[in-house]
Amino acid sequence: MGRVLRFALPAGAIVAGTAFAAWALVRTHGLPLVQQRTGATLVTLALSLSVLVLAAMPLTWRRALMVAAMIAGFVLLFPLSLVRQFYELELPRGYLGLTLLTAAVGVAALTAFWIVRGRSNNGRLRGD
């Protein structure tokens, strides 16, 4: 349990902080609430996929298949109108690049944390 918490708590804090930052950034530009939520959702999904990849390391074919299925599910959220309407998703117009940059910063922070954490575990990059 301790091993899981040593990864989950800091990773969760990074995901939450980055999602809040994305929401706050688009909110300050006066975008509608639905676009603010979608921006935060995009960042949360991107970072949760990163957490999944890091937790699944080393990738076996089964784990890679699981990651690919999750990515496919994420990608299919936006082209399908019925799904967009159901989840009330509307991309933050004019600020999608800023939202994706925020997600990239969060992914970099997660990856850096994972590498540093792995090195502190007897020089292994695997976080066990």
C-alpha atoms as a PDB file:
ATOM      1  CA  MET A   1       0.000   0.000   0.000  1.00  0.00           C
ATOM      2  CA  GLY A   2       2.822   2.401   0.807  1.00  0.00           C
ATOM      3  CA  ARG A   3       4.388   1.958  -2.638  1.00  0.00           C
ATOM      4  CA  VAL A   4       1.118   2.854  -4.329  1.00  0.00           C
ATOM      5  CA  LEU A   5       0.581   5.918  -2.149  1.00  0.00           C
ATOM      6  CA  ARG A   6       4.123   7.153  -2.786  1.00  0.00           C
ATOM      7  CA  PHE A   7       3.170   7.441  -6.454  1.00  0.00           C
ATOM      8  CA  ALA A   8      -0.578   8.133  -6.306  1.00  0.00           C
ATOM      9  CA  LEU A   9      -0.606  11.044  -3.867  1.00  0.00           C
ATOM     10  CA  PRO A  10       2.014  13.221  -5.597  1.00  0.00           C
ATOM     11  CA  ALA A  11       0.705  12.258  -9.054  1.00  0.00           C
ATOM     12  CA  GLY A  12      -2.826  13.148  -7.973  1.00  0.00           C
ATOM     13  CA  ALA A  13      -1.633  16.487  -6.664  1.00  0.00           C
ATOM     14  CA  ILE A  14       0.102  17.216  -9.976  1.00  0.00           C
ATOM     15  CA  VAL A  15      -3.019  16.263 -11.947  1.00  0.00           C
ATOM     16  CA  ALA A  16      -5.297  18.339  -9.705  1.00  0.00           C
ATOM     17  CA  GLY A  17      -3.002  21.361  -9.742  1.00  0.00           C
ATOM     18  CA  THR A  18      -2.589  21.271 -13.499  1.00  0.00           C
ATOM     19  CA  ALA A  19      -6.331  20.844 -14.106  1.00  0.00           C
ATOM     20  CA  PHE A  20      -7.037  23.787 -11.813  1.00  0.00           C
ATOM     21  CA  ALA A  21      -4.407  25.873 -13.620  1.00  0.00           C
ATOM     22  CA  ALA A  22      -5.980  25.067 -16.999  1.00  0.00           C
ATOM     23  CA  TRP A  23      -9.431  25.977 -15.707  1.00  0.00           C
ATOM     24  CA  ALA A  24      -8.170  29.218 -14.173  1.00  0.00           C
ATOM     25  CA  LEU A  25      -6.330  30.211 -17.352  1.00  0.00           C
ATOM     26  CA  VAL A  26      -9.359  29.878 -19.609  1.00  0.00           C
ATOM     27  CA  ARG A  27     -11.622  31.407 -16.953  1.00  0.00           C
ATOM     28  CA  THR A  28      -9.524  34.576 -16.827  1.00  0.00           C
ATOM     29  CA  HIS A  29     -10.161  35.016 -20.554  1.00  0.00           C
ATOM     30  CA  GLY A  30     -13.919  35.041 -19.991  1.00  0.00           C
ATOM     31  CA  LEU A  31     -14.807  31.853 -21.841  1.00  0.00           C
ATOM     32  CA  PRO A  32     -18.193  30.221 -21.178  1.00  0.00           C
ATOM     33  CA  LEU A  33     -18.401  27.722 -18.333  1.00  0.00           C
ATOM     34  CA  VAL A  34     -18.791  24.737 -20.690  1.00  0.00           C
ATOM     35  CA  GLN A  35     -15.477  25.635 -22.381  1.00  0.00           C
ATOM     36  CA  GLN A  36     -13.791  26.119 -19.007  1.00  0.00           C
ATOM     37  CA  ARG A  37     -14.897  22.643 -17.921  1.00  0.00           C
ATOM     38  CA  THR A  38     -13.843  21.121 -21.237  1.00  0.00           C
ATOM     39  CA  GLY A  39     -10.378  22.658 -20.908  1.00  0.00           C
ATOM     40  CA  ALA A  40      -9.970  21.202 -17.432  1.00  0.00           C
ATOM     41  CA  THR A  41     -11.322  17.862 -18.678  1.00  0.00           C
ATOM     42  CA  LEU A  42      -8.822  17.769 -21.553  1.00  0.00           C
ATOM     43  CA  VAL A  43      -5.939  18.380 -19.187  1.00  0.00           C
ATOM     44  CA  THR A  44      -7.209  15.809 -16.691  1.00  0.00           C
ATOM     45  CA  LEU A  45      -7.617  13.170 -19.397  1.00  0.00           C
ATOM     46  CA  ALA A  46      -4.150  13.825 -20.834  1.00  0.00           C
ATOM     47  CA  LEU A  47      -2.530  13.607 -17.417  1.00  0.00           C
ATOM     48  CA  SER A  48      -4.500  10.519 -16.428  1.00  0.00           C
ATOM     49  CA  LEU A  49      -3.270   8.805 -19.592  1.00  0.00           C
ATOM     50  CA  SER A  50       0.261   9.775 -18.573  1.00  0.00           C
ATOM     51  CA  VAL A  51      -0.275   8.311 -15.111  1.00  0.00           C
ATOM     52  CA  LEU A  52      -1.578   5.126 -16.732  1.00  0.00           C
ATOM     53  CA  VAL A  53       1.484   4.836 -18.969  1.00  0.00           C
ATOM     54  CA  LEU A  54       3.887   5.475 -16.091  1.00  0.00           C
ATOM     55  CA  ALA A  55       2.104   3.011 -13.820  1.00  0.00           C
ATOM     56  CA  ALA A  56       2.082   0.379 -16.589  1.00  0.00           C
ATOM     57  CA  MET A  57       5.848   0.530 -17.138  1.00  0.00           C
ATOM     58  CA  PRO A  58       7.484  -1.593 -18.400  1.00  0.00           C
ATOM     59  CA  LEU A  59       4.995  -1.896 -21.246  1.00  0.00           C
ATOM     60  CA  THR A  60       4.170  -5.442 -22.255  1.00  0.00           C
ATOM     61  CA  TRP A  61       1.939  -6.073 -25.244  1.00  0.00           C
ATOM     62  CA  ARG A  62      -1.104  -6.379 -22.977  1.00  0.00           C
ATOM     63  CA  ARG A  63      -0.350  -3.162 -21.166  1.00  0.00           C
ATOM     64  CA  ALA A  64       0.336  -1.396 -24.465  1.00  0.00           C
ATOM     65  CA  LEU A  65      -3.018  -2.667 -25.758  1.00  0.00           C
ATOM     66  CA  MET A  66      -4.735  -1.286 -22.644  1.00  0.00           C
ATOM     67  CA  VAL A  67      -3.043   2.111 -23.101  1.00  0.00           C
ATOM     68  CA  ALA A  68      -3.978   2.144 -26.802  1.00  0.00           C
ATOM     69  CA  ALA A  69      -7.611   1.379 -25.957  1.00  0.00           C
ATOM     70  CA  MET A  70      -7.704   4.237 -23.449  1.00  0.00           C
ATOM     71  CA  ILE A  71      -6.174   6.637 -25.973  1.00  0.00           C
ATOM     72  CA  ALA A  72      -8.727   5.538 -28.587  1.00  0.00           C
ATOM     73  CA  GLY A  73     -11.547   6.181 -26.130  1.00  0.00           C
ATOM     74  CA  PHE A  74     -10.168   9.628 -25.365  1.00  0.00           C
ATOM     75  CA  VAL A  75      -9.759  10.516 -29.038  1.00  0.00           C
ATOM     76  CA  LEU A  76     -13.301   9.388 -29.842  1.00  0.00           C
ATOM     77  CA  LEU A  77     -14.811  11.812 -27.318  1.00  0.00           C
ATOM     78  CA  PHE A  78     -14.561  14.838 -29.566  1.00  0.00           C
ATOM     79  CA  PRO A  79     -15.428  13.802 -33.150  1.00  0.00           C
ATOM     80  CA  LEU A  80     -18.731  12.178 -32.178  1.00  0.00           C
ATOM     81  CA  SER A  81     -21.439  14.820 -31.821  1.00  0.00           C
ATOM     82  CA  LEU A  82     -23.670  12.628 -29.661  1.00  0.00           C
ATOM     83  CA  VAL A  83     -20.848  12.045 -27.169  1.00  0.00           C
ATOM     84  CA  ARG A  84     -19.918  15.749 -27.127  1.00  0.00           C
ATOM     85  CA  GLN A  85     -23.514  16.686 -26.405  1.00  0.00           C
ATOM     86  CA  PHE A  86     -23.929  14.034 -23.716  1.00  0.00           C
ATOM     87  CA  TYR A  87     -20.797  15.144 -21.839  1.00  0.00           C
ATOM     88  CA  GLU A  88     -21.330  18.823 -22.730  1.00  0.00           C
ATOM     89  CA  LEU A  89     -17.895  19.184 -24.294  1.00  0.00           C
ATOM     90  CA  GLU A  90     -16.990  22.335 -26.190  1.00  0.00           C
ATOM     91  CA  LEU A  91     -13.350  23.055 -26.961  1.00  0.00           C
ATOM     92  CA  PRO A  92     -12.050  26.354 -25.550  1.00  0.00           C
ATOM     93  CA  ARG A  93     -12.058  28.434 -28.736  1.00  0.00           C
ATOM     94  CA  GLY A  94      -8.934  30.453 -29.236  1.00  0.00           C
ATOM     95  CA  TYR A  95      -7.294  28.932 -26.164  1.00  0.00           C
ATOM     96  CA  LEU A  96      -6.936  25.287 -27.123  1.00  0.00           C
ATOM     97  CA  GLY A  97      -3.190  25.769 -27.614  1.00  0.00           C
ATOM     98  CA  LEU A  98      -2.844  27.254 -24.141  1.00  0.00           C
ATOM     99  CA  THR A  99      -4.864  24.374 -22.706  1.00  0.00           C
ATOM    100  CA  LEU A 100      -2.682  21.793 -24.451  1.00  0.00           C
ATOM    101  CA  LEU A 101       0.472  23.610 -23.340  1.00  0.00           C
ATOM    102  CA  THR A 102      -0.792  23.423 -19.758  1.00  0.00           C
ATOM    103  CA  ALA A 103      -1.344  19.682 -20.232  1.00  0.00           C
ATOM    104  CA  ALA A 104       2.178  19.296 -21.643  1.00  0.00           C
ATOM    105  CA  VAL A 105       3.643  21.040 -18.598  1.00  0.00           C
ATOM    106  CA  GLY A 106       1.691  18.673 -16.354  1.00  0.00           C
ATOM    107  CA  VAL A 107       2.874  15.622 -18.314  1.00  0.00           C
ATOM    108  CA  ALA A 108       6.461  16.865 -18.024  1.00  0.00           C
ATOM    109  CA  ALA A 109       6.030  17.339 -14.263  1.00  0.00           C
ATOM    110  CA  LEU A 110       4.598  13.822 -13.886  1.00  0.00           C
ATOM    111  CA  THR A 111       7.403  12.312 -15.932  1.00  0.00           C
ATOM    112  CA  ALA A 112      10.062  14.218 -14.004  1.00  0.00           C
ATOM    113  CA  PHE A 113       8.511  13.102 -10.710  1.00  0.00           C
ATOM    114  CA  TRP A 114       8.434   9.487 -11.906  1.00  0.00           C
ATOM    115  CA  ILE A 115      12.089   9.596 -12.993  1.00  0.00           C
ATOM    116  CA  VAL A 116      13.271  11.225  -9.760  1.00  0.00           C
ATOM    117  CA  ARG A 117      11.170   8.820  -7.706  1.00  0.00           C
ATOM    118  CA  GLY A 118      12.578   5.857  -9.633  1.00  0.00           C
ATOM    119  CA  ARG A 119      16.150   7.003  -9.126  1.00  0.00           C
ATOM    120  CA  SER A 120      15.584   7.302  -5.407  1.00  0.00           C
ATOM    121  CA  ASN A 121      14.579   3.613  -5.357  1.00  0.00           C
ATOM    122  CA  ASN A 122      18.063   2.065  -5.586  1.00  0.00           C
ATOM    123  CA  GLY A 123      18.791   3.577  -9.006  1.00  0.00           C
ATOM    124  CA  ARG A 124      15.929   1.761 -10.749  1.00  0.00           C
ATOM    125  CA  LEU A 125      13.626   3.692 -13.060  1.00  0.00           C
ATOM    126  CA  ARG A 126      10.828   1.237 -12.386  1.00  0.00           C
ATOM    127  CA  GLY A 127       8.875   2.703  -9.507  1.00  0.00           C
ATOM    128  CA  ASP A 128       8.523  -0.540  -7.489  1.00  0.00           C
END
